[in-house]
Amino acid sequence: MAMAVSGFIFLGFVLAHMYGNLKAFGGHDAFNEYAEHLREIGEPMLPHAGLLWILRVGLIASLVVHVYCAVVLWRRAARARTTKYVVKKDTGATRASLLMRWGGLTIFLFLIWHLLNFSIGKVNVQGGATNDPYNLLVDTFDVWWLTLIYIVAMLALGAHLHHGIWSAAQTLGWTGTAAKRHRAKVFGFVVALIVSVGFSLVPLGVLTGIITK
């Protein structure tokens, strides 16, 4: 249950973050104004970037819960079967479900780099300035191998969401009938496709010259 709820919290963040990223197609000012607006929400009741830090703390807490639950469930599964199957059979599991652990690890490692690249450390691999969000984005994705890493990570995220949404819906009791199970699977696939494609559009836009300084 904790994994399902923390997963849906991340889903909400991912969709909002994807929307913000797509502002890059509006140009330098549109993207930077959006980035600055995030820091001004809640003023003057909250200090500058106050709400942003509240959201960050909430996301960190959700991440800790999600990773902890994943480790606990993995250990529980390992204890349940201490020896491997002699003959492996096709159980009907999707590729996304079979890659959940490795996909989750891939996403976690990418998240660390992503924060160092754009948020905490603000690393510009081309040696340029880091105080302009739009220019930092363009400088980053102008490097083909960084774009490739990003897209691979988004494919892993899409696969993770595809099975994760279905699994969470099942945990929360939303798949009690055949029709509900079908809707949950379709919803998971559609959301996974939207997220993976939506996030990939910006780096591909930079690499192909659609998004420029």
N, C-alpha and C. Protein backbone atom coordinates (compact mmCIF):
# COMPACT_ATOMS: atom_id res chain seq x y z
N MET A 1 0.83 -1.20 0.00
CA MET A 1 0.00 0.00 0.00
C MET A 1 0.87 1.26 0.00
N ALA A 2 1.92 1.24 0.82
CA ALA A 2 2.83 2.40 0.89
C ALA A 2 3.53 2.62 -0.44
N MET A 3 3.92 1.52 -1.08
CA MET A 3 4.57 1.64 -2.38
C MET A 3 3.62 2.22 -3.41
N ALA A 4 2.36 1.78 -3.40
CA ALA A 4 1.37 2.25 -4.36
C ALA A 4 1.10 3.74 -4.18
N VAL A 5 0.90 4.18 -2.94
CA VAL A 5 0.60 5.59 -2.67
C VAL A 5 1.78 6.48 -3.01
N SER A 6 3.00 6.08 -2.61
CA SER A 6 4.19 6.88 -2.92
C SER A 6 4.42 6.91 -4.42
N GLY A 7 4.08 5.81 -5.11
CA GLY A 7 4.22 5.79 -6.56
C GLY A 7 3.30 6.77 -7.25
N PHE A 8 2.06 6.88 -6.77
CA PHE A 8 1.11 7.83 -7.36
C PHE A 8 1.52 9.28 -7.08
N ILE A 9 2.15 9.51 -5.92
CA ILE A 9 2.67 10.85 -5.63
C ILE A 9 3.73 11.23 -6.66
N PHE A 10 4.61 10.29 -6.96
CA PHE A 10 5.63 10.53 -7.97
C PHE A 10 5.03 10.71 -9.36
N LEU A 11 3.96 9.99 -9.64
CA LEU A 11 3.30 10.13 -10.94
C LEU A 11 2.78 11.55 -11.13
N GLY A 12 2.17 12.10 -10.08
CA GLY A 12 1.69 13.48 -10.16
C GLY A 12 2.82 14.46 -10.41
N PHE A 13 3.95 14.24 -9.71
CA PHE A 13 5.12 15.11 -9.91
C PHE A 13 5.67 14.99 -11.32
N VAL A 14 5.77 13.75 -11.82
CA VAL A 14 6.34 13.51 -13.14
C VAL A 14 5.51 14.20 -14.22
N LEU A 15 4.19 14.12 -14.12
CA LEU A 15 3.32 14.77 -15.12
C LEU A 15 3.48 16.28 -15.08
N ALA A 16 3.55 16.84 -13.87
CA ALA A 16 3.73 18.29 -13.75
C ALA A 16 5.10 18.72 -14.26
N HIS A 17 6.12 17.92 -13.97
CA HIS A 17 7.47 18.23 -14.42
C HIS A 17 7.58 18.15 -15.95
N MET A 18 6.90 17.17 -16.52
CA MET A 18 6.90 17.04 -17.98
C MET A 18 6.26 18.27 -18.63
N TYR A 19 5.15 18.73 -18.07
CA TYR A 19 4.48 19.93 -18.57
C TYR A 19 5.44 21.13 -18.54
N GLY A 20 6.16 21.27 -17.43
CA GLY A 20 7.12 22.37 -17.32
C GLY A 20 8.23 22.27 -18.34
N ASN A 21 8.75 21.06 -18.56
CA ASN A 21 9.82 20.87 -19.53
C ASN A 21 9.39 21.29 -20.94
N LEU A 22 8.14 21.01 -21.29
CA LEU A 22 7.66 21.33 -22.63
C LEU A 22 7.59 22.83 -22.88
N LYS A 23 7.70 23.63 -21.82
CA LYS A 23 7.75 25.08 -21.98
C LYS A 23 8.99 25.50 -22.79
N ALA A 24 9.97 24.61 -22.87
CA ALA A 24 11.19 24.92 -23.62
C ALA A 24 10.88 25.20 -25.08
N PHE A 25 9.81 24.60 -25.60
CA PHE A 25 9.43 24.85 -26.99
C PHE A 25 8.91 26.28 -27.19
N GLY A 26 8.57 26.93 -26.08
CA GLY A 26 8.13 28.32 -26.16
C GLY A 26 9.27 29.31 -26.20
N GLY A 27 10.48 28.84 -26.03
CA GLY A 27 11.65 29.71 -26.09
C GLY A 27 12.23 30.03 -24.73
N HIS A 28 13.31 30.80 -24.75
CA HIS A 28 14.09 31.14 -23.57
C HIS A 28 13.24 31.78 -22.47
N ASP A 29 12.53 32.85 -22.80
CA ASP A 29 11.79 33.60 -21.79
C ASP A 29 10.65 32.78 -21.19
N ALA A 30 9.92 32.05 -22.03
CA ALA A 30 8.79 31.24 -21.54
C ALA A 30 9.26 30.19 -20.55
N PHE A 31 10.38 29.53 -20.84
CA PHE A 31 10.89 28.48 -19.95
C PHE A 31 11.42 29.08 -18.65
N ASN A 32 12.20 30.15 -18.74
CA ASN A 32 12.78 30.75 -17.54
C ASN A 32 11.73 31.42 -16.66
N GLU A 33 10.70 32.01 -17.27
CA GLU A 33 9.62 32.60 -16.48
C GLU A 33 8.86 31.51 -15.71
N TYR A 34 8.68 30.37 -16.34
CA TYR A 34 8.02 29.26 -15.66
C TYR A 34 8.88 28.78 -14.49
N ALA A 35 10.19 28.64 -14.72
CA ALA A 35 11.10 28.20 -13.67
C ALA A 35 11.10 29.16 -12.49
N GLU A 36 11.07 30.45 -12.77
CA GLU A 36 11.05 31.46 -11.71
C GLU A 36 9.70 31.48 -11.00
N HIS A 37 8.63 31.29 -11.74
CA HIS A 37 7.29 31.29 -11.15
C HIS A 37 7.16 30.20 -10.10
N LEU A 38 7.80 29.06 -10.32
CA LEU A 38 7.75 27.97 -9.34
C LEU A 38 8.32 28.42 -8.00
N ARG A 39 9.27 29.33 -8.03
CA ARG A 39 9.89 29.81 -6.79
C ARG A 39 9.09 30.91 -6.12
N GLU A 40 8.14 31.50 -6.85
CA GLU A 40 7.36 32.61 -6.31
C GLU A 40 6.00 32.19 -5.78
N ILE A 41 5.58 30.94 -6.06
CA ILE A 41 4.27 30.46 -5.60
C ILE A 41 4.21 30.49 -4.08
N GLY A 42 3.13 31.07 -3.55
CA GLY A 42 2.94 31.10 -2.10
C GLY A 42 3.43 32.36 -1.43
N GLU A 43 4.16 33.22 -2.16
CA GLU A 43 4.61 34.47 -1.57
C GLU A 43 3.43 35.43 -1.44
N PRO A 44 3.37 36.27 -0.39
CA PRO A 44 4.38 36.44 0.66
C PRO A 44 4.15 35.55 1.89
N MET A 45 3.10 34.71 1.88
CA MET A 45 2.87 33.84 3.05
C MET A 45 4.05 32.90 3.27
N LEU A 46 4.67 32.48 2.18
CA LEU A 46 5.84 31.61 2.26
C LEU A 46 7.05 32.37 1.76
N PRO A 47 8.24 32.04 2.23
CA PRO A 47 9.45 32.69 1.70
C PRO A 47 9.68 32.30 0.26
N HIS A 48 10.59 32.99 -0.41
CA HIS A 48 10.92 32.70 -1.79
C HIS A 48 11.37 31.25 -1.92
N ALA A 49 10.74 30.53 -2.84
CA ALA A 49 11.01 29.10 -3.08
C ALA A 49 10.55 28.23 -1.91
N GLY A 50 9.72 28.79 -1.03
CA GLY A 50 9.24 28.03 0.13
C GLY A 50 8.41 26.81 -0.25
N LEU A 51 7.42 27.02 -1.13
CA LEU A 51 6.57 25.91 -1.55
C LEU A 51 7.39 24.86 -2.30
N LEU A 52 8.37 25.32 -3.06
CA LEU A 52 9.22 24.40 -3.81
C LEU A 52 9.97 23.47 -2.86
N TRP A 53 10.43 24.02 -1.73
CA TRP A 53 11.14 23.19 -0.76
C TRP A 53 10.20 22.24 -0.03
N ILE A 54 8.97 22.68 0.20
CA ILE A 54 7.97 21.79 0.81
C ILE A 54 7.72 20.60 -0.11
N LEU A 55 7.59 20.88 -1.40
CA LEU A 55 7.38 19.80 -2.38
C LEU A 55 8.60 18.89 -2.45
N ARG A 56 9.78 19.47 -2.37
CA ARG A 56 11.00 18.66 -2.42
C ARG A 56 11.08 17.71 -1.23
N VAL A 57 10.76 18.22 -0.04
CA VAL A 57 10.79 17.38 1.16
C VAL A 57 9.77 16.24 1.03
N GLY A 58 8.57 16.58 0.51
CA GLY A 58 7.55 15.56 0.31
C GLY A 58 8.00 14.49 -0.68
N LEU A 59 8.67 14.92 -1.75
CA LEU A 59 9.15 13.97 -2.76
C LEU A 59 10.28 13.10 -2.22
N ILE A 60 11.16 13.70 -1.41
CA ILE A 60 12.24 12.92 -0.81
C ILE A 60 11.67 11.86 0.13
N ALA A 61 10.66 12.26 0.92
CA ALA A 61 10.02 11.30 1.83
C ALA A 61 9.35 10.18 1.04
N SER A 62 8.69 10.52 -0.06
CA SER A 62 8.05 9.51 -0.91
C SER A 62 9.09 8.58 -1.52
N LEU A 63 10.24 9.16 -1.93
CA LEU A 63 11.30 8.35 -2.51
C LEU A 63 11.84 7.34 -1.49
N VAL A 64 12.06 7.81 -0.26
CA VAL A 64 12.56 6.92 0.80
C VAL A 64 11.58 5.78 1.03
N VAL A 65 10.30 6.11 1.11
CA VAL A 65 9.27 5.09 1.33
C VAL A 65 9.24 4.11 0.17
N HIS A 66 9.28 4.63 -1.05
CA HIS A 66 9.19 3.79 -2.25
C HIS A 66 10.37 2.82 -2.34
N VAL A 67 11.58 3.34 -2.13
CA VAL A 67 12.78 2.50 -2.20
C VAL A 67 12.78 1.48 -1.06
N TYR A 68 12.40 1.91 0.13
CA TYR A 68 12.36 0.99 1.28
C TYR A 68 11.39 -0.15 1.02
N CYS A 69 10.21 0.18 0.51
CA CYS A 69 9.21 -0.86 0.20
C CYS A 69 9.72 -1.81 -0.88
N ALA A 70 10.42 -1.26 -1.87
CA ALA A 70 10.95 -2.11 -2.94
C ALA A 70 11.96 -3.11 -2.39
N VAL A 71 12.83 -2.65 -1.49
CA VAL A 71 13.84 -3.53 -0.89
C VAL A 71 13.17 -4.60 -0.03
N VAL A 72 12.18 -4.20 0.77
CA VAL A 72 11.47 -5.14 1.64
C VAL A 72 10.76 -6.21 0.81
N LEU A 73 10.07 -5.79 -0.25
CA LEU A 73 9.36 -6.74 -1.10
C LEU A 73 10.31 -7.66 -1.85
N TRP A 74 11.46 -7.12 -2.28
CA TRP A 74 12.45 -7.95 -2.97
C TRP A 74 13.00 -9.01 -2.03
N ARG A 75 13.31 -8.62 -0.79
CA ARG A 75 13.82 -9.58 0.19
C ARG A 75 12.76 -10.63 0.53
N ARG A 76 11.52 -10.20 0.63
CA ARG A 76 10.44 -11.13 0.93
C ARG A 76 10.29 -12.17 -0.19
N ALA A 77 10.41 -11.70 -1.43
CA ALA A 77 10.31 -12.62 -2.57
C ALA A 77 11.49 -13.59 -2.58
N ALA A 78 12.69 -13.08 -2.22
CA ALA A 78 13.88 -13.93 -2.20
C ALA A 78 13.76 -15.01 -1.13
N ARG A 79 13.20 -14.65 0.03
CA ARG A 79 13.03 -15.64 1.11
C ARG A 79 11.97 -16.67 0.76
N ALA A 80 10.98 -16.26 -0.03
CA ALA A 80 9.90 -17.18 -0.38
C ALA A 80 10.38 -18.30 -1.28
N ARG A 81 11.41 -18.02 -2.08
CA ARG A 81 11.98 -19.07 -2.95
C ARG A 81 13.49 -18.96 -2.91
N THR A 82 14.10 -19.85 -2.13
CA THR A 82 15.55 -19.82 -1.94
C THR A 82 16.30 -20.56 -3.04
N THR A 83 15.59 -21.36 -3.84
CA THR A 83 16.21 -22.05 -4.97
C THR A 83 15.51 -21.65 -6.25
N LYS A 84 16.26 -21.61 -7.35
CA LYS A 84 15.69 -21.22 -8.63
C LYS A 84 14.84 -22.33 -9.21
N TYR A 85 13.89 -21.97 -10.06
CA TYR A 85 13.08 -22.95 -10.77
C TYR A 85 13.96 -23.78 -11.69
N VAL A 86 13.70 -25.08 -11.74
CA VAL A 86 14.44 -25.96 -12.65
C VAL A 86 14.04 -25.66 -14.08
N VAL A 87 12.74 -25.47 -14.28
CA VAL A 87 12.21 -25.14 -15.60
C VAL A 87 11.46 -23.83 -15.50
N LYS A 88 11.82 -22.86 -16.34
CA LYS A 88 11.14 -21.58 -16.34
C LYS A 88 10.00 -21.62 -17.35
N LYS A 89 8.83 -21.20 -16.91
CA LYS A 89 7.68 -21.18 -17.78
C LYS A 89 7.22 -19.76 -18.02
N ASP A 90 6.56 -19.56 -19.13
CA ASP A 90 5.99 -18.25 -19.45
C ASP A 90 4.75 -18.05 -18.60
N THR A 91 4.82 -17.12 -17.66
CA THR A 91 3.70 -16.88 -16.74
C THR A 91 2.75 -15.81 -17.24
N GLY A 92 3.08 -15.23 -18.39
CA GLY A 92 2.23 -14.17 -18.92
C GLY A 92 2.62 -12.79 -18.40
N ALA A 93 3.71 -12.73 -17.64
CA ALA A 93 4.15 -11.45 -17.12
C ALA A 93 4.67 -10.57 -18.25
N THR A 94 4.38 -9.27 -18.17
CA THR A 94 4.86 -8.35 -19.19
C THR A 94 6.35 -8.10 -19.00
N ARG A 95 7.01 -7.65 -20.08
CA ARG A 95 8.43 -7.32 -19.97
C ARG A 95 8.64 -6.22 -18.94
N ALA A 96 7.68 -5.28 -18.87
CA ALA A 96 7.80 -4.18 -17.90
C ALA A 96 7.84 -4.72 -16.48
N SER A 97 7.01 -5.72 -16.17
CA SER A 97 6.99 -6.26 -14.81
C SER A 97 8.28 -7.00 -14.50
N LEU A 98 8.85 -7.67 -15.50
CA LEU A 98 10.08 -8.41 -15.29
C LEU A 98 11.29 -7.49 -15.10
N LEU A 99 11.18 -6.25 -15.57
CA LEU A 99 12.29 -5.30 -15.49
C LEU A 99 12.09 -4.26 -14.39
N MET A 100 11.11 -4.44 -13.51
CA MET A 100 10.79 -3.43 -12.51
C MET A 100 11.98 -3.09 -11.62
N ARG A 101 12.69 -4.10 -11.13
CA ARG A 101 13.79 -3.84 -10.21
C ARG A 101 14.95 -3.12 -10.90
N TRP A 102 15.37 -3.65 -12.07
CA TRP A 102 16.47 -3.03 -12.79
C TRP A 102 16.06 -1.66 -13.32
N GLY A 103 14.81 -1.56 -13.76
CA GLY A 103 14.32 -0.26 -14.23
C GLY A 103 14.29 0.75 -13.10
N GLY A 104 13.85 0.31 -11.93
CA GLY A 104 13.83 1.20 -10.78
C GLY A 104 15.22 1.68 -10.40
N LEU A 105 16.20 0.77 -10.45
CA LEU A 105 17.59 1.14 -10.15
C LEU A 105 18.12 2.13 -11.18
N THR A 106 17.79 1.89 -12.45
CA THR A 106 18.22 2.80 -13.53
C THR A 106 17.66 4.20 -13.30
N ILE A 107 16.38 4.27 -12.95
CA ILE A 107 15.73 5.56 -12.70
C ILE A 107 16.35 6.26 -11.51
N PHE A 108 16.66 5.49 -10.45
CA PHE A 108 17.26 6.06 -9.24
C PHE A 108 18.63 6.68 -9.55
N LEU A 109 19.46 5.95 -10.29
CA LEU A 109 20.79 6.46 -10.65
C LEU A 109 20.68 7.69 -11.55
N PHE A 110 19.72 7.64 -12.49
CA PHE A 110 19.50 8.80 -13.37
C PHE A 110 19.04 10.01 -12.57
N LEU A 111 18.19 9.78 -11.56
CA LEU A 111 17.67 10.87 -10.74
C LEU A 111 18.81 11.60 -10.04
N ILE A 112 19.78 10.84 -9.54
CA ILE A 112 20.94 11.46 -8.88
C ILE A 112 21.67 12.38 -9.87
N TRP A 113 21.95 11.86 -11.08
CA TRP A 113 22.63 12.68 -12.09
C TRP A 113 21.78 13.88 -12.49
N HIS A 114 20.49 13.68 -12.65
CA HIS A 114 19.59 14.75 -13.08
C HIS A 114 19.59 15.91 -12.08
N LEU A 115 19.59 15.57 -10.79
CA LEU A 115 19.63 16.60 -9.75
C LEU A 115 20.97 17.33 -9.76
N LEU A 116 22.06 16.59 -9.96
CA LEU A 116 23.38 17.22 -10.04
C LEU A 116 23.49 18.11 -11.27
N ASN A 117 22.85 17.69 -12.35
CA ASN A 117 22.92 18.41 -13.62
C ASN A 117 22.10 19.71 -13.60
N PHE A 118 20.89 19.64 -13.08
CA PHE A 118 19.98 20.78 -13.22
C PHE A 118 19.56 21.46 -11.92
N SER A 119 19.76 20.82 -10.78
CA SER A 119 19.19 21.39 -9.55
C SER A 119 20.23 21.64 -8.47
N ILE A 120 20.78 20.57 -7.92
CA ILE A 120 21.68 20.72 -6.77
C ILE A 120 23.03 21.26 -7.18
N GLY A 121 23.69 20.58 -8.11
CA GLY A 121 25.03 20.99 -8.51
C GLY A 121 25.07 21.91 -9.70
N LYS A 122 24.07 21.78 -10.60
CA LYS A 122 24.02 22.54 -11.86
C LYS A 122 25.33 22.41 -12.64
N VAL A 123 25.51 21.21 -13.18
CA VAL A 123 26.73 20.90 -13.93
C VAL A 123 26.49 21.15 -15.42
N ASN A 124 27.31 22.01 -16.00
CA ASN A 124 27.26 22.26 -17.44
C ASN A 124 28.44 21.54 -18.07
N VAL A 125 28.18 20.44 -18.76
CA VAL A 125 29.27 19.62 -19.32
C VAL A 125 30.04 20.35 -20.42
N GLN A 126 29.46 21.41 -20.96
CA GLN A 126 30.15 22.17 -22.00
C GLN A 126 30.96 23.34 -21.43
N GLY A 127 30.92 23.46 -20.10
CA GLY A 127 31.72 24.50 -19.46
C GLY A 127 31.08 25.87 -19.45
N GLY A 128 29.83 25.96 -19.90
CA GLY A 128 29.14 27.25 -19.94
C GLY A 128 28.55 27.63 -18.59
N ALA A 129 27.81 28.75 -18.59
CA ALA A 129 27.17 29.24 -17.35
C ALA A 129 26.07 28.28 -16.91
N THR A 130 25.79 28.31 -15.61
CA THR A 130 24.75 27.42 -15.05
C THR A 130 23.62 28.20 -14.40
N ASN A 131 23.67 29.54 -14.49
CA ASN A 131 22.66 30.34 -13.80
C ASN A 131 21.45 30.65 -14.67
N ASP A 132 21.40 30.10 -15.88
CA ASP A 132 20.26 30.30 -16.77
C ASP A 132 19.65 28.94 -17.10
N PRO A 133 18.47 28.62 -16.56
CA PRO A 133 17.89 27.28 -16.74
C PRO A 133 17.75 26.85 -18.19
N TYR A 134 17.28 27.76 -19.04
CA TYR A 134 17.06 27.41 -20.45
C TYR A 134 18.38 27.11 -21.16
N ASN A 135 19.37 27.98 -20.97
CA ASN A 135 20.67 27.77 -21.63
C ASN A 135 21.37 26.52 -21.11
N LEU A 136 21.20 26.23 -19.82
CA LEU A 136 21.78 25.01 -19.26
C LEU A 136 21.14 23.78 -19.88
N LEU A 137 19.83 23.85 -20.09
CA LEU A 137 19.11 22.75 -20.74
C LEU A 137 19.62 22.52 -22.16
N VAL A 138 19.78 23.62 -22.92
CA VAL A 138 20.23 23.51 -24.30
C VAL A 138 21.67 22.99 -24.35
N ASP A 139 22.54 23.51 -23.49
CA ASP A 139 23.93 23.06 -23.46
C ASP A 139 24.01 21.57 -23.13
N THR A 140 23.16 21.11 -22.24
CA THR A 140 23.18 19.70 -21.84
C THR A 140 22.76 18.79 -22.98
N PHE A 141 21.62 19.07 -23.57
CA PHE A 141 21.08 18.16 -24.59
C PHE A 141 21.68 18.39 -25.98
N ASP A 142 22.55 19.37 -26.08
CA ASP A 142 23.30 19.56 -27.32
C ASP A 142 24.40 18.51 -27.43
N VAL A 143 24.67 17.82 -26.33
CA VAL A 143 25.66 16.73 -26.29
C VAL A 143 24.90 15.42 -26.54
N TRP A 144 25.23 14.75 -27.65
CA TRP A 144 24.41 13.62 -28.08
C TRP A 144 24.34 12.49 -27.06
N TRP A 145 25.46 12.20 -26.38
CA TRP A 145 25.45 11.07 -25.46
C TRP A 145 24.64 11.36 -24.20
N LEU A 146 24.54 12.62 -23.81
CA LEU A 146 23.68 12.98 -22.68
C LEU A 146 22.21 12.83 -23.07
N THR A 147 21.89 13.21 -24.30
CA THR A 147 20.53 13.01 -24.80
C THR A 147 20.19 11.52 -24.84
N LEU A 148 21.14 10.72 -25.27
CA LEU A 148 20.93 9.27 -25.33
C LEU A 148 20.67 8.69 -23.94
N ILE A 149 21.47 9.11 -22.96
CA ILE A 149 21.28 8.65 -21.58
C ILE A 149 19.90 9.05 -21.08
N TYR A 150 19.49 10.27 -21.38
CA TYR A 150 18.19 10.78 -20.95
C TYR A 150 17.05 9.96 -21.55
N ILE A 151 17.14 9.67 -22.84
CA ILE A 151 16.08 8.93 -23.51
C ILE A 151 16.00 7.49 -22.98
N VAL A 152 17.16 6.87 -22.76
CA VAL A 152 17.17 5.51 -22.18
C VAL A 152 16.49 5.53 -20.81
N ALA A 153 16.79 6.55 -20.02
CA ALA A 153 16.18 6.67 -18.70
C ALA A 153 14.67 6.87 -18.82
N MET A 154 14.22 7.62 -19.84
CA MET A 154 12.79 7.83 -20.02
C MET A 154 12.08 6.56 -20.48
N LEU A 155 12.77 5.73 -21.26
CA LEU A 155 12.21 4.44 -21.64
C LEU A 155 12.06 3.55 -20.40
N ALA A 156 13.07 3.60 -19.53
CA ALA A 156 12.99 2.84 -18.27
C ALA A 156 11.85 3.35 -17.41
N LEU A 157 11.67 4.68 -17.39
CA LEU A 157 10.58 5.27 -16.62
C LEU A 157 9.23 4.85 -17.18
N GLY A 158 9.11 4.85 -18.51
CA GLY A 158 7.86 4.43 -19.14
C GLY A 158 7.52 3.00 -18.80
N ALA A 159 8.51 2.10 -18.87
CA ALA A 159 8.28 0.70 -18.54
C ALA A 159 7.89 0.54 -17.07
N HIS A 160 8.54 1.33 -16.21
CA HIS A 160 8.27 1.27 -14.77
C HIS A 160 6.83 1.72 -14.49
N LEU A 161 6.42 2.80 -15.15
CA LEU A 161 5.06 3.30 -14.97
C LEU A 161 4.02 2.34 -15.53
N HIS A 162 4.33 1.73 -16.66
CA HIS A 162 3.40 0.82 -17.32
C HIS A 162 2.94 -0.27 -16.36
N HIS A 163 3.90 -0.93 -15.73
CA HIS A 163 3.53 -1.99 -14.79
C HIS A 163 3.17 -1.42 -13.42
N GLY A 164 3.87 -0.34 -13.01
CA GLY A 164 3.65 0.22 -11.68
C GLY A 164 2.25 0.73 -11.47
N ILE A 165 1.68 1.39 -12.47
CA ILE A 165 0.31 1.90 -12.35
C ILE A 165 -0.68 0.75 -12.21
N TRP A 166 -0.48 -0.29 -13.03
CA TRP A 166 -1.34 -1.47 -12.94
C TRP A 166 -1.22 -2.13 -11.56
N SER A 167 0.00 -2.29 -11.09
CA SER A 167 0.23 -2.94 -9.80
C SER A 167 -0.37 -2.12 -8.66
N ALA A 168 -0.21 -0.78 -8.73
CA ALA A 168 -0.76 0.09 -7.69
C ALA A 168 -2.29 0.04 -7.68
N ALA A 169 -2.88 0.04 -8.88
CA ALA A 169 -4.34 -0.05 -8.97
C ALA A 169 -4.84 -1.36 -8.37
N GLN A 170 -4.10 -2.42 -8.60
CA GLN A 170 -4.47 -3.73 -8.05
C GLN A 170 -4.36 -3.71 -6.52
N THR A 171 -3.29 -3.11 -6.02
CA THR A 171 -3.08 -3.02 -4.57
C THR A 171 -4.18 -2.22 -3.90
N LEU A 172 -4.62 -1.15 -4.55
CA LEU A 172 -5.64 -0.26 -3.97
C LEU A 172 -7.06 -0.77 -4.20
N GLY A 173 -7.20 -1.94 -4.82
CA GLY A 173 -8.51 -2.54 -5.00
C GLY A 173 -9.32 -1.96 -6.14
N TRP A 174 -8.64 -1.45 -7.17
CA TRP A 174 -9.34 -0.82 -8.28
C TRP A 174 -9.46 -1.76 -9.49
N THR A 175 -9.16 -3.04 -9.31
CA THR A 175 -9.17 -3.98 -10.44
C THR A 175 -10.04 -5.19 -10.13
N GLY A 176 -11.17 -4.94 -9.50
CA GLY A 176 -12.01 -6.05 -9.05
C GLY A 176 -12.77 -6.78 -10.14
N THR A 177 -12.92 -6.17 -11.29
CA THR A 177 -13.63 -6.82 -12.40
C THR A 177 -12.74 -6.85 -13.63
N ALA A 178 -13.14 -7.65 -14.62
CA ALA A 178 -12.37 -7.74 -15.86
C ALA A 178 -12.31 -6.38 -16.56
N ALA A 179 -13.42 -5.64 -16.53
CA ALA A 179 -13.46 -4.33 -17.17
C ALA A 179 -12.52 -3.35 -16.48
N LYS A 180 -12.48 -3.39 -15.13
CA LYS A 180 -11.60 -2.50 -14.39
C LYS A 180 -10.13 -2.86 -14.61
N ARG A 181 -9.85 -4.15 -14.70
CA ARG A 181 -8.47 -4.57 -14.97
C ARG A 181 -8.02 -4.08 -16.34
N HIS A 182 -8.92 -4.17 -17.31
CA HIS A 182 -8.60 -3.71 -18.66
C HIS A 182 -8.35 -2.20 -18.67
N ARG A 183 -9.20 -1.46 -17.97
CA ARG A 183 -9.03 -0.01 -17.92
C ARG A 183 -7.72 0.37 -17.23
N ALA A 184 -7.37 -0.36 -16.18
CA ALA A 184 -6.13 -0.06 -15.46
C ALA A 184 -4.91 -0.31 -16.35
N LYS A 185 -4.95 -1.39 -17.13
CA LYS A 185 -3.84 -1.70 -18.03
C LYS A 185 -3.72 -0.67 -19.14
N VAL A 186 -4.86 -0.28 -19.70
CA VAL A 186 -4.86 0.72 -20.76
C VAL A 186 -4.37 2.06 -20.21
N PHE A 187 -4.86 2.44 -19.03
CA PHE A 187 -4.46 3.70 -18.41
C PHE A 187 -2.95 3.70 -18.15
N GLY A 188 -2.43 2.59 -17.62
CA GLY A 188 -1.01 2.50 -17.36
C GLY A 188 -0.18 2.64 -18.62
N PHE A 189 -0.63 1.99 -19.69
CA PHE A 189 0.10 2.07 -20.96
C PHE A 189 0.07 3.48 -21.53
N VAL A 190 -1.11 4.11 -21.52
CA VAL A 190 -1.25 5.46 -22.09
C VAL A 190 -0.41 6.47 -21.31
N VAL A 191 -0.48 6.42 -19.99
CA VAL A 191 0.30 7.35 -19.17
C VAL A 191 1.80 7.13 -19.38
N ALA A 192 2.22 5.87 -19.42
CA ALA A 192 3.63 5.56 -19.65
C ALA A 192 4.10 6.10 -20.99
N LEU A 193 3.26 5.97 -22.01
CA LEU A 193 3.61 6.47 -23.34
C LEU A 193 3.70 7.99 -23.36
N ILE A 194 2.72 8.65 -22.73
CA ILE A 194 2.71 10.11 -22.68
C ILE A 194 3.96 10.63 -21.98
N VAL A 195 4.29 10.03 -20.84
CA VAL A 195 5.43 10.49 -20.04
C VAL A 195 6.75 10.26 -20.78
N SER A 196 6.97 9.06 -21.29
CA SER A 196 8.24 8.76 -21.94
C SER A 196 8.43 9.59 -23.21
N VAL A 197 7.37 9.75 -24.00
CA VAL A 197 7.46 10.55 -25.22
C VAL A 197 7.56 12.04 -24.88
N GLY A 198 6.72 12.49 -23.94
CA GLY A 198 6.71 13.90 -23.56
C GLY A 198 8.06 14.38 -23.05
N PHE A 199 8.70 13.59 -22.20
CA PHE A 199 10.02 13.97 -21.69
C PHE A 199 11.09 13.90 -22.77
N SER A 200 10.95 12.98 -23.71
CA SER A 200 11.97 12.80 -24.75
C SER A 200 11.92 13.89 -25.81
N LEU A 201 10.78 14.57 -25.94
CA LEU A 201 10.63 15.59 -26.98
C LEU A 201 11.62 16.74 -26.82
N VAL A 202 11.87 17.16 -25.58
CA VAL A 202 12.75 18.31 -25.36
C VAL A 202 14.20 18.00 -25.74
N PRO A 203 14.82 16.93 -25.21
CA PRO A 203 16.20 16.65 -25.65
C PRO A 203 16.32 16.40 -27.15
N LEU A 204 15.33 15.73 -27.72
CA LEU A 204 15.36 15.51 -29.17
C LEU A 204 15.19 16.83 -29.91
N GLY A 205 14.38 17.74 -29.35
CA GLY A 205 14.21 19.06 -29.95
C GLY A 205 15.50 19.85 -29.96
N VAL A 206 16.27 19.73 -28.86
CA VAL A 206 17.57 20.42 -28.80
C VAL A 206 18.54 19.79 -29.79
N LEU A 207 18.61 18.47 -29.80
CA LEU A 207 19.58 17.77 -30.63
C LEU A 207 19.33 18.01 -32.12
N THR A 208 18.06 18.19 -32.49
CA THR A 208 17.72 18.39 -33.90
C THR A 208 17.68 19.87 -34.29
N GLY A 209 17.95 20.76 -33.33
CA GLY A 209 18.01 22.18 -33.65
C GLY A 209 16.69 22.91 -33.58
N ILE A 210 15.62 22.25 -33.14
CA ILE A 210 14.33 22.92 -32.99
C ILE A 210 14.36 23.87 -31.80
N ILE A 211 14.98 23.42 -30.71
CA ILE A 211 15.15 24.26 -29.51
C ILE A 211 16.60 24.74 -29.49
N THR A 212 16.80 26.04 -29.61
CA THR A 212 18.15 26.62 -29.64
C THR A 212 18.23 27.83 -28.73
N LYS A 213 19.44 28.30 -28.49
CA LYS A 213 19.64 29.51 -27.70
C LYS A 213 19.22 30.74 -28.49
